[in-house]
Amino acid sequence: MFSKPIILVILLALLLVFYLVIRFGAGKKKDIEESKNLTRYLFGIRILIILLAIVGLGLWFFL
């Protein structure tokens, strides 16, 4: 089994990979800046990842 610090690193790495996959899948930076829908979509994704990180940290503290 993994120790607590390793679990935290894995959790944060997975959230970062999740964000990067969605960000690169959304298109080029120029396309994102021109589209209001993509800008709002990525903002929502950032909020979702922050909430997931907070929940993950909360669970991590109680392991």
N, C-alpha and C. Protein backbone atom coordinates (compact mmCIF):
# COMPACT_ATOMS: atom_id res chain seq x y z
N MET A 1 0.84 -1.18 0.00
CA MET A 1 0.00 0.00 0.00
C MET A 1 0.88 1.25 0.00
N PHE A 2 0.33 2.32 -0.46
CA PHE A 2 1.08 3.57 -0.53
C PHE A 2 0.99 4.33 0.80
N SER A 3 2.01 5.12 1.07
CA SER A 3 1.97 5.97 2.27
C SER A 3 1.14 7.22 1.97
N LYS A 4 0.81 7.97 3.01
CA LYS A 4 -0.04 9.16 2.85
C LYS A 4 0.55 10.20 1.90
N PRO A 5 1.83 10.55 1.99
CA PRO A 5 2.36 11.56 1.05
C PRO A 5 2.30 11.10 -0.41
N ILE A 6 2.53 9.81 -0.64
CA ILE A 6 2.48 9.29 -2.01
C ILE A 6 1.05 9.34 -2.54
N ILE A 7 0.07 9.05 -1.69
CA ILE A 7 -1.33 9.12 -2.10
C ILE A 7 -1.68 10.56 -2.49
N LEU A 8 -1.21 11.53 -1.74
CA LEU A 8 -1.49 12.93 -2.06
C LEU A 8 -0.86 13.32 -3.39
N VAL A 9 0.36 12.90 -3.63
CA VAL A 9 1.04 13.21 -4.90
C VAL A 9 0.30 12.56 -6.07
N ILE A 10 -0.13 11.33 -5.90
CA ILE A 10 -0.87 10.63 -6.96
C ILE A 10 -2.19 11.35 -7.23
N LEU A 11 -2.89 11.74 -6.19
CA LEU A 11 -4.16 12.45 -6.35
C LEU A 11 -3.97 13.75 -7.13
N LEU A 12 -3.00 14.55 -6.73
CA LEU A 12 -2.76 15.82 -7.41
C LEU A 12 -2.27 15.62 -8.84
N ALA A 13 -1.46 14.59 -9.07
CA ALA A 13 -0.99 14.29 -10.43
C ALA A 13 -2.15 13.89 -11.33
N LEU A 14 -3.06 13.07 -10.81
CA LEU A 14 -4.23 12.67 -11.60
C LEU A 14 -5.12 13.86 -11.95
N LEU A 15 -5.30 14.76 -11.00
CA LEU A 15 -6.10 15.96 -11.28
C LEU A 15 -5.42 16.85 -12.32
N LEU A 16 -4.10 16.96 -12.25
CA LEU A 16 -3.37 17.75 -13.24
C LEU A 16 -3.48 17.12 -14.62
N VAL A 17 -3.32 15.81 -14.71
CA VAL A 17 -3.44 15.11 -15.99
C VAL A 17 -4.86 15.27 -16.54
N PHE A 18 -5.85 15.16 -15.68
CA PHE A 18 -7.25 15.33 -16.07
C PHE A 18 -7.46 16.71 -16.69
N TYR A 19 -6.91 17.75 -16.04
CA TYR A 19 -7.06 19.11 -16.58
C TYR A 19 -6.32 19.27 -17.90
N LEU A 20 -5.10 18.76 -17.99
CA LEU A 20 -4.31 18.92 -19.21
C LEU A 20 -4.95 18.22 -20.40
N VAL A 21 -5.51 17.04 -20.18
CA VAL A 21 -6.17 16.32 -21.27
C VAL A 21 -7.37 17.11 -21.78
N ILE A 22 -8.16 17.66 -20.87
CA ILE A 22 -9.32 18.45 -21.28
C ILE A 22 -8.87 19.74 -21.96
N ARG A 23 -7.85 20.37 -21.41
CA ARG A 23 -7.36 21.64 -21.98
C ARG A 23 -6.83 21.45 -23.40
N PHE A 24 -6.01 20.42 -23.61
CA PHE A 24 -5.48 20.19 -24.96
C PHE A 24 -6.55 19.68 -25.92
N GLY A 25 -7.54 19.00 -25.38
CA GLY A 25 -8.65 18.55 -26.22
C GLY A 25 -9.57 19.68 -26.65
N ALA A 26 -9.55 20.80 -25.93
CA ALA A 26 -10.42 21.93 -26.25
C ALA A 26 -9.93 22.69 -27.48
N GLY A 27 -8.68 22.57 -27.83
CA GLY A 27 -8.17 23.23 -29.02
C GLY A 27 -7.00 24.15 -28.71
N LYS A 28 -6.65 24.91 -29.74
CA LYS A 28 -5.52 25.83 -29.61
C LYS A 28 -5.87 27.02 -28.73
N LYS A 29 -4.84 27.67 -28.21
CA LYS A 29 -5.05 28.81 -27.31
C LYS A 29 -5.83 29.93 -28.02
N LYS A 30 -5.53 30.14 -29.29
CA LYS A 30 -6.20 31.19 -30.06
C LYS A 30 -7.70 30.89 -30.18
N ASP A 31 -8.03 29.62 -30.42
CA ASP A 31 -9.44 29.24 -30.55
C ASP A 31 -10.19 29.43 -29.23
N ILE A 32 -9.52 29.12 -28.13
CA ILE A 32 -10.15 29.24 -26.82
C ILE A 32 -10.40 30.71 -26.48
N GLU A 33 -9.43 31.56 -26.78
CA GLU A 33 -9.60 32.99 -26.48
C GLU A 33 -10.72 33.62 -27.29
N GLU A 34 -10.97 33.12 -28.49
CA GLU A 34 -12.02 33.69 -29.36
C GLU A 34 -13.41 33.16 -29.03
N SER A 35 -13.49 32.02 -28.39
CA SER A 35 -14.78 31.39 -28.11
C SER A 35 -15.19 31.59 -26.65
N LYS A 36 -16.34 32.21 -26.46
CA LYS A 36 -16.85 32.40 -25.10
C LYS A 36 -17.28 31.07 -24.48
N ASN A 37 -17.82 30.18 -25.31
CA ASN A 37 -18.26 28.88 -24.79
C ASN A 37 -17.09 28.07 -24.25
N LEU A 38 -15.99 28.04 -25.00
CA LEU A 38 -14.81 27.29 -24.53
C LEU A 38 -14.21 27.93 -23.30
N THR A 39 -14.23 29.25 -23.23
CA THR A 39 -13.69 29.94 -22.06
C THR A 39 -14.50 29.59 -20.82
N ARG A 40 -15.82 29.61 -20.94
CA ARG A 40 -16.69 29.25 -19.81
C ARG A 40 -16.55 27.78 -19.45
N TYR A 41 -16.41 26.94 -20.47
CA TYR A 41 -16.24 25.51 -20.25
C TYR A 41 -14.96 25.23 -19.45
N LEU A 42 -13.85 25.83 -19.86
CA LEU A 42 -12.59 25.61 -19.14
C LEU A 42 -12.62 26.21 -17.73
N PHE A 43 -13.34 27.32 -17.57
CA PHE A 43 -13.50 27.88 -16.23
C PHE A 43 -14.25 26.90 -15.34
N GLY A 44 -15.29 26.30 -15.88
CA GLY A 44 -16.05 25.29 -15.12
C GLY A 44 -15.20 24.08 -14.78
N ILE A 45 -14.34 23.67 -15.70
CA ILE A 45 -13.45 22.55 -15.45
C ILE A 45 -12.46 22.89 -14.34
N ARG A 46 -11.93 24.12 -14.33
CA ARG A 46 -11.02 24.53 -13.27
C ARG A 46 -11.71 24.49 -11.90
N ILE A 47 -12.95 24.97 -11.86
CA ILE A 47 -13.71 24.94 -10.61
C ILE A 47 -13.94 23.50 -10.16
N LEU A 48 -14.29 22.62 -11.10
CA LEU A 48 -14.51 21.21 -10.79
C LEU A 48 -13.24 20.57 -10.22
N ILE A 49 -12.11 20.85 -10.83
CA ILE A 49 -10.85 20.26 -10.36
C ILE A 49 -10.49 20.81 -8.99
N ILE A 50 -10.73 22.08 -8.75
CA ILE A 50 -10.46 22.64 -7.42
C ILE A 50 -11.35 21.97 -6.37
N LEU A 51 -12.62 21.77 -6.69
CA LEU A 51 -13.52 21.09 -5.75
C LEU A 51 -13.08 19.66 -5.50
N LEU A 52 -12.68 18.96 -6.56
CA LEU A 52 -12.19 17.59 -6.40
C LEU A 52 -10.92 17.55 -5.55
N ALA A 53 -10.05 18.54 -5.73
CA ALA A 53 -8.83 18.60 -4.92
C ALA A 53 -9.16 18.84 -3.45
N ILE A 54 -10.12 19.70 -3.18
CA ILE A 54 -10.51 19.98 -1.80
C ILE A 54 -11.11 18.74 -1.15
N VAL A 55 -11.99 18.05 -1.87
CA VAL A 55 -12.58 16.82 -1.35
C VAL A 55 -11.50 15.76 -1.14
N GLY A 56 -10.59 15.64 -2.10
CA GLY A 56 -9.50 14.68 -1.97
C GLY A 56 -8.61 14.97 -0.78
N LEU A 57 -8.30 16.24 -0.57
CA LEU A 57 -7.50 16.61 0.60
C LEU A 57 -8.23 16.31 1.90
N GLY A 58 -9.53 16.58 1.91
CA GLY A 58 -10.33 16.27 3.10
C GLY A 58 -10.32 14.78 3.41
N LEU A 59 -10.49 13.96 2.40
CA LEU A 59 -10.44 12.52 2.59
C LEU A 59 -9.05 12.05 2.99
N TRP A 60 -8.04 12.68 2.41
CA TRP A 60 -6.65 12.32 2.71
C TRP A 60 -6.32 12.55 4.17
N PHE A 61 -6.84 13.63 4.75
CA PHE A 61 -6.58 13.92 6.15
C PHE A 61 -7.18 12.87 7.08
N PHE A 62 -8.25 12.20 6.65
CA PHE A 62 -8.92 11.24 7.50
C PHE A 62 -8.51 9.80 7.23
N LEU A 63 -7.51 9.56 6.41
CA LEU A 63 -7.04 8.19 6.17
C LEU A 63 -6.34 7.62 7.37
